[in-house]
Amino acid sequence: MIELLKIVLLGIVEGITEWLPISSTGHMILVDEFLKLDATDAFKEVFFVVIQLGAILAVVVLYFDKLNPFEKKPLVPTKKGAKKTAGQKTQLVVNKETIQLWGKVLIASLPAAIIGLPLDDWLDEKLYNYPTVALMLILYGVLFIVVENYFEGKKSKINRLEKLGLREILIIGAFQVLALIPGTSRSGATILGGILAGASRKVSAEFTFFLAIPVMLGASLLKLVKYGAAFSVTELSYLIVGMVTAFFVSILAIKFLLGYIKKHSFKAFGYYRIALGLLVFTYFFLTR
């Protein structure tokens, strides 16, 4: 029961930090340092990635209408203002705007996939450590403050997802590559990229949510393949509880972020990152 409570807490941390630009990896490392989950290092490495599947599902549920490329339309067009009848026949058609959106998401995902897949083991071995995480927390915290100060009072050029062009998509995709370094925050890096490319905070955040689907799904599948299917009943229960918790918390976190950025900038997250980075540095320096 104690271990399951730890899993629930980790699921809460994942659900909040995956979507807020404050680094889920940094928080997971710090929380696990205190919780000391009773599991092997190999399983924890898989767990911290695969738990993201719950967070992905939250995006799919919240944005299903926008992400679903198929829609039902009446076989015989109704007159303007006329109500649909109960027995009216419909046909399934493809929504071109949704297909274009998925195309943009896949294009923006390519840089991270091309660079990240061959370097996955090296990144885990060389960069998955507290000095790297702490440094990235501070560095991108400073960048958020600098970028927000620079764009303060300026109008965004892109205020709709449909207006994102190839240039903006590639810039966001390039910034996602930077998130391969632990502590950077995938959402933080891509949101920064979107803002620098001229997109509004809302457009940058929403595109970041959609971009997470193929990237996090791919990362999870890669970890599962490497680990194999040798999960014990206990480990499988940990994964399920963690993902379910992350799913429900992610829904709240996404709604909070979208509401927050309507009236506020990302500077508060920048200051938080700097404070957390200094805390991580201090804690591990004193305990190592």
Protein backbone atom coordinates (compact mmCIF):
# COMPACT_ATOMS: atom_id res chain seq x y z
CA MET A 1 0.00 0.00 0.00
CA ILE A 2 2.85 2.41 0.83
CA GLU A 3 4.48 1.73 -2.54
CA LEU A 4 1.20 2.33 -4.37
CA LEU A 5 0.83 5.66 -2.56
CA LYS A 6 4.31 6.56 -3.81
CA ILE A 7 3.22 5.64 -7.34
CA VAL A 8 0.14 7.87 -7.01
CA LEU A 9 2.32 10.76 -5.87
CA LEU A 10 4.69 10.21 -8.80
CA GLY A 11 1.67 10.12 -11.12
CA ILE A 12 0.51 13.47 -9.71
CA VAL A 13 3.96 14.96 -10.22
CA GLU A 14 4.09 13.64 -13.79
CA GLY A 15 0.60 14.93 -14.61
CA ILE A 16 1.44 18.43 -13.42
CA THR A 17 5.02 18.82 -14.61
CA GLU A 18 4.65 17.20 -18.04
CA TRP A 19 2.55 20.08 -19.32
CA LEU A 20 3.81 23.00 -17.28
CA PRO A 21 7.21 24.20 -18.58
CA ILE A 22 9.08 23.19 -15.43
CA SER A 23 10.67 19.82 -16.36
CA SER A 24 8.99 16.56 -15.40
CA THR A 25 12.39 14.81 -15.31
CA GLY A 26 13.82 17.25 -12.79
CA HIS A 27 10.85 16.81 -10.51
CA MET A 28 10.81 13.02 -10.88
CA ILE A 29 14.48 12.77 -9.91
CA LEU A 30 13.96 15.01 -6.89
CA VAL A 31 10.75 13.28 -5.73
CA ASP A 32 12.20 9.79 -6.17
CA GLU A 33 15.22 10.84 -4.10
CA PHE A 34 12.89 11.29 -1.12
CA LEU A 35 10.33 8.56 -1.87
CA LYS A 36 12.84 5.80 -2.65
CA LEU A 37 10.46 3.68 -4.70
CA ASP A 38 11.08 0.00 -3.99
CA ALA A 39 11.90 -1.06 -7.55
CA THR A 40 14.94 -1.84 -9.68
CA ASP A 41 16.76 0.98 -11.45
CA ALA A 42 15.89 -0.64 -14.80
CA PHE A 43 12.17 -0.61 -14.00
CA LYS A 44 12.23 2.97 -12.71
CA GLU A 45 13.91 4.09 -15.94
CA VAL A 46 11.00 2.54 -17.87
CA PHE A 47 8.35 3.75 -15.41
CA PHE A 48 9.39 7.42 -15.58
CA VAL A 49 8.91 7.35 -19.36
CA VAL A 50 5.95 5.00 -19.84
CA ILE A 51 3.87 6.82 -17.21
CA GLN A 52 3.68 9.60 -19.81
CA LEU A 53 1.18 7.51 -21.78
CA GLY A 54 -1.47 8.57 -19.27
CA ALA A 55 -0.59 12.20 -19.88
CA ILE A 56 -0.83 11.69 -23.67
CA LEU A 57 -4.31 10.21 -23.32
CA ALA A 58 -5.42 13.36 -21.50
CA VAL A 59 -4.51 15.44 -24.58
CA VAL A 60 -6.37 13.03 -26.87
CA VAL A 61 -9.50 13.21 -24.71
CA LEU A 62 -9.46 17.01 -24.29
CA TYR A 63 -8.74 17.71 -27.96
CA PHE A 64 -10.47 14.73 -29.57
CA ASP A 65 -12.62 16.86 -31.88
CA LYS A 66 -9.58 18.79 -33.09
CA LEU A 67 -7.37 15.69 -33.46
CA ASN A 68 -9.93 13.33 -35.00
CA PRO A 69 -9.45 13.48 -38.81
CA PHE A 70 -12.93 12.09 -39.51
CA GLU A 71 -16.27 13.79 -39.11
CA LYS A 72 -19.86 12.94 -39.93
CA LYS A 73 -21.71 15.08 -42.44
CA PRO A 74 -25.25 14.71 -43.81
CA LEU A 75 -25.52 13.01 -47.20
CA VAL A 76 -27.94 15.70 -48.30
CA PRO A 77 -26.80 19.20 -47.23
CA THR A 78 -29.32 20.89 -44.96
CA LYS A 79 -30.50 24.40 -45.60
CA LYS A 80 -28.82 27.13 -43.62
CA GLY A 81 -30.39 27.35 -40.17
CA ALA A 82 -32.33 24.10 -40.57
CA LYS A 83 -32.14 21.53 -37.77
CA LYS A 84 -30.82 18.01 -38.32
CA THR A 85 -33.48 15.30 -38.21
CA ALA A 86 -33.10 12.20 -36.04
CA GLY A 87 -33.08 9.75 -38.95
CA GLN A 88 -30.96 11.82 -41.28
CA LYS A 89 -28.30 9.78 -43.10
CA THR A 90 -24.68 10.80 -42.67
CA GLN A 91 -21.34 9.97 -44.26
CA LEU A 92 -17.85 9.86 -42.79
CA VAL A 93 -15.56 12.43 -44.41
CA VAL A 94 -11.95 13.47 -43.87
CA ASN A 95 -11.29 16.84 -42.28
CA LYS A 96 -8.49 18.41 -44.32
CA GLU A 97 -7.51 20.89 -41.59
CA THR A 98 -6.98 18.04 -39.11
CA ILE A 99 -4.89 16.09 -41.62
CA GLN A 100 -2.77 19.22 -42.16
CA LEU A 101 -2.38 19.61 -38.39
CA TRP A 102 -1.16 16.01 -38.04
CA GLY A 103 1.23 16.61 -40.92
CA LYS A 104 2.70 19.61 -39.10
CA VAL A 105 3.00 17.60 -35.89
CA LEU A 106 4.84 14.77 -37.65
CA ILE A 107 7.21 17.16 -39.44
CA ALA A 108 8.04 18.90 -36.15
CA SER A 109 8.64 15.48 -34.53
CA LEU A 110 11.22 14.34 -37.09
CA PRO A 111 14.29 16.20 -35.75
CA ALA A 112 13.91 14.73 -32.24
CA ALA A 113 13.27 11.24 -33.64
CA ILE A 114 16.26 11.35 -36.01
CA ILE A 115 18.65 12.61 -33.33
CA GLY A 116 17.10 11.06 -30.24
CA LEU A 117 16.73 7.42 -31.30
CA PRO A 118 20.42 6.67 -31.95
CA LEU A 119 21.52 8.70 -28.91
CA ASP A 120 18.98 7.33 -26.41
CA ASP A 121 21.38 5.11 -24.46
CA TRP A 122 24.17 7.71 -24.53
CA LEU A 123 21.86 10.43 -23.24
CA ASP A 124 20.69 8.21 -20.37
CA GLU A 125 24.24 7.26 -19.45
CA LYS A 126 25.94 10.64 -19.75
CA LEU A 127 23.29 13.29 -19.09
CA TYR A 128 20.71 11.69 -16.78
CA ASN A 129 22.25 13.16 -13.63
CA TYR A 130 21.48 15.94 -11.17
CA PRO A 131 24.12 18.49 -12.32
CA THR A 132 22.73 18.41 -15.88
CA VAL A 133 19.12 18.60 -14.70
CA ALA A 134 19.83 21.47 -12.31
CA LEU A 135 21.81 23.41 -14.93
CA MET A 136 19.05 23.04 -17.55
CA LEU A 137 16.39 24.08 -15.04
CA ILE A 138 18.27 27.30 -14.36
CA LEU A 139 19.31 27.98 -17.97
CA TYR A 140 15.82 27.68 -19.43
CA GLY A 141 14.35 29.53 -16.47
CA VAL A 142 16.56 32.48 -17.39
CA LEU A 143 15.60 32.09 -21.08
CA PHE A 144 11.89 32.23 -20.26
CA ILE A 145 12.35 35.49 -18.39
CA VAL A 146 14.55 37.02 -21.11
CA VAL A 147 12.20 36.00 -23.94
CA GLU A 148 9.07 37.18 -22.12
CA ASN A 149 10.71 40.55 -21.33
CA TYR A 150 11.71 40.94 -24.99
CA PHE A 151 8.21 40.18 -26.32
CA GLU A 152 6.34 42.07 -23.58
CA GLY A 153 3.77 44.41 -25.15
CA LYS A 154 4.34 43.03 -28.66
CA LYS A 155 1.54 41.38 -30.62
CA SER A 156 2.01 37.80 -31.79
CA LYS A 157 2.05 37.24 -35.54
CA ILE A 158 0.41 33.82 -35.32
CA ASN A 159 -2.76 33.45 -33.24
CA ARG A 160 -4.22 30.31 -34.82
CA LEU A 161 -2.80 26.81 -35.24
CA GLU A 162 -3.76 26.87 -38.92
CA LYS A 163 -1.37 29.79 -39.46
CA LEU A 164 1.72 27.83 -38.39
CA GLY A 165 3.90 27.50 -41.49
CA LEU A 166 6.87 25.29 -42.33
CA ARG A 167 9.34 27.83 -40.88
CA GLU A 168 7.59 27.95 -37.50
CA ILE A 169 7.14 24.17 -37.40
CA LEU A 170 10.83 23.53 -38.05
CA ILE A 171 11.85 26.05 -35.38
CA ILE A 172 9.61 24.34 -32.82
CA GLY A 173 10.93 20.94 -33.91
CA ALA A 174 14.52 22.16 -33.49
CA PHE A 175 13.76 23.37 -29.97
CA GLN A 176 12.26 19.98 -29.14
CA VAL A 177 15.65 18.43 -29.91
CA LEU A 178 17.07 20.52 -27.06
CA ALA A 179 14.59 18.81 -24.73
CA LEU A 180 16.47 15.53 -25.17
CA ILE A 181 18.74 16.88 -22.45
CA PRO A 182 17.17 16.02 -19.06
CA GLY A 183 15.91 19.00 -17.10
CA THR A 184 15.18 21.09 -20.18
CA SER A 185 11.42 20.35 -20.25
CA ARG A 186 9.96 19.26 -23.55
CA SER A 187 6.97 21.57 -23.17
CA GLY A 188 9.22 24.41 -22.01
CA ALA A 189 11.59 24.11 -24.97
CA THR A 190 8.85 23.84 -27.61
CA ILE A 191 6.81 26.69 -26.11
CA LEU A 192 9.92 28.87 -26.18
CA GLY A 193 10.50 27.87 -29.79
CA GLY A 194 6.92 28.74 -30.68
CA ILE A 195 7.09 32.16 -29.05
CA LEU A 196 10.42 32.96 -30.73
CA ALA A 197 8.90 31.87 -34.06
CA GLY A 198 6.13 34.45 -33.61
CA ALA A 199 3.30 32.29 -32.26
CA SER A 200 1.10 33.32 -29.36
CA ARG A 201 1.40 31.60 -25.99
CA LYS A 202 -1.88 29.72 -26.58
CA VAL A 203 -0.87 28.47 -30.04
CA SER A 204 2.61 27.51 -28.77
CA ALA A 205 1.12 25.62 -25.81
CA GLU A 206 -1.53 23.78 -27.84
CA PHE A 207 0.92 22.74 -30.55
CA THR A 208 3.21 21.51 -27.77
CA PHE A 209 0.38 19.34 -26.44
CA PHE A 210 -0.18 17.77 -29.87
CA LEU A 211 3.54 17.38 -30.51
CA ALA A 212 3.79 15.33 -27.32
CA ILE A 213 1.63 12.53 -28.74
CA PRO A 214 4.03 10.99 -31.30
CA VAL A 215 7.18 11.96 -29.38
CA MET A 216 6.13 10.56 -26.00
CA LEU A 217 4.45 7.54 -27.58
CA GLY A 218 7.64 6.73 -29.46
CA ALA A 219 9.81 7.22 -26.37
CA SER A 220 7.52 4.95 -24.31
CA LEU A 221 7.49 2.21 -26.93
CA LEU A 222 11.28 2.37 -27.20
CA LYS A 223 11.67 1.89 -23.44
CA LEU A 224 9.15 -0.98 -23.42
CA VAL A 225 10.94 -2.76 -26.25
CA LYS A 226 14.30 -2.42 -24.50
CA TYR A 227 12.89 -3.61 -21.18
CA GLY A 228 10.95 -6.49 -22.71
CA ALA A 229 7.71 -8.01 -21.46
CA ALA A 230 9.22 -9.27 -18.21
CA PHE A 231 7.02 -7.17 -15.91
CA SER A 232 5.98 -8.70 -12.63
CA VAL A 233 2.37 -8.32 -11.45
CA THR A 234 3.53 -5.65 -9.01
CA GLU A 235 5.42 -3.70 -11.66
CA LEU A 236 2.45 -3.88 -14.02
CA SER A 237 0.16 -2.54 -11.30
CA TYR A 238 2.63 0.33 -10.70
CA LEU A 239 2.49 1.27 -14.39
CA ILE A 240 -1.31 1.17 -14.55
CA VAL A 241 -1.83 3.18 -11.35
CA GLY A 242 0.81 5.70 -12.41
CA MET A 243 -0.69 6.19 -15.87
CA VAL A 244 -4.28 6.51 -14.60
CA THR A 245 -3.19 9.09 -12.01
CA ALA A 246 -1.16 11.02 -14.59
CA PHE A 247 -4.18 11.02 -16.93
CA PHE A 248 -6.59 12.70 -14.52
CA VAL A 249 -4.03 15.15 -13.16
CA SER A 250 -2.92 16.04 -16.70
CA ILE A 251 -6.46 17.09 -17.61
CA LEU A 252 -6.46 19.56 -14.70
CA ALA A 253 -2.92 20.77 -15.47
CA ILE A 254 -3.68 21.44 -19.16
CA LYS A 255 -6.85 23.35 -18.32
CA PHE A 256 -4.97 25.36 -15.70
CA LEU A 257 -2.16 26.28 -18.10
CA LEU A 258 -4.53 27.41 -20.85
CA GLY A 259 -6.45 29.55 -18.38
CA TYR A 260 -3.27 30.94 -16.82
CA ILE A 261 -1.59 32.10 -20.04
CA LYS A 262 -4.66 34.11 -21.07
CA LYS A 263 -3.68 36.73 -18.49
CA HIS A 264 -0.10 35.93 -17.49
CA SER A 265 3.30 35.37 -19.08
CA PHE A 266 5.65 32.43 -18.51
CA LYS A 267 7.99 34.47 -16.30
CA ALA A 268 6.65 32.92 -13.10
CA PHE A 269 7.66 29.49 -14.42
CA GLY A 270 11.10 30.90 -15.22
CA TYR A 271 11.63 32.05 -11.63
CA TYR A 272 10.32 28.72 -10.35
CA ARG A 273 12.77 26.81 -12.55
CA ILE A 274 15.71 28.86 -11.30
CA ALA A 275 14.70 28.29 -7.67
CA LEU A 276 14.24 24.56 -8.23
CA GLY A 277 17.56 24.26 -10.07
CA LEU A 278 19.38 25.93 -7.20
CA LEU A 279 17.56 23.63 -4.76
CA VAL A 280 18.60 20.52 -6.73
CA PHE A 281 22.22 21.72 -6.87
CA THR A 282 22.27 22.48 -3.13
CA TYR A 283 20.57 19.27 -2.04
CA PHE A 284 22.75 16.89 -4.05
CA PHE A 285 25.92 18.84 -3.26
CA LEU A 286 25.26 18.48 0.45
CA THR A 287 24.19 14.83 0.32
CA ARG A 288 26.76 13.42 -2.11
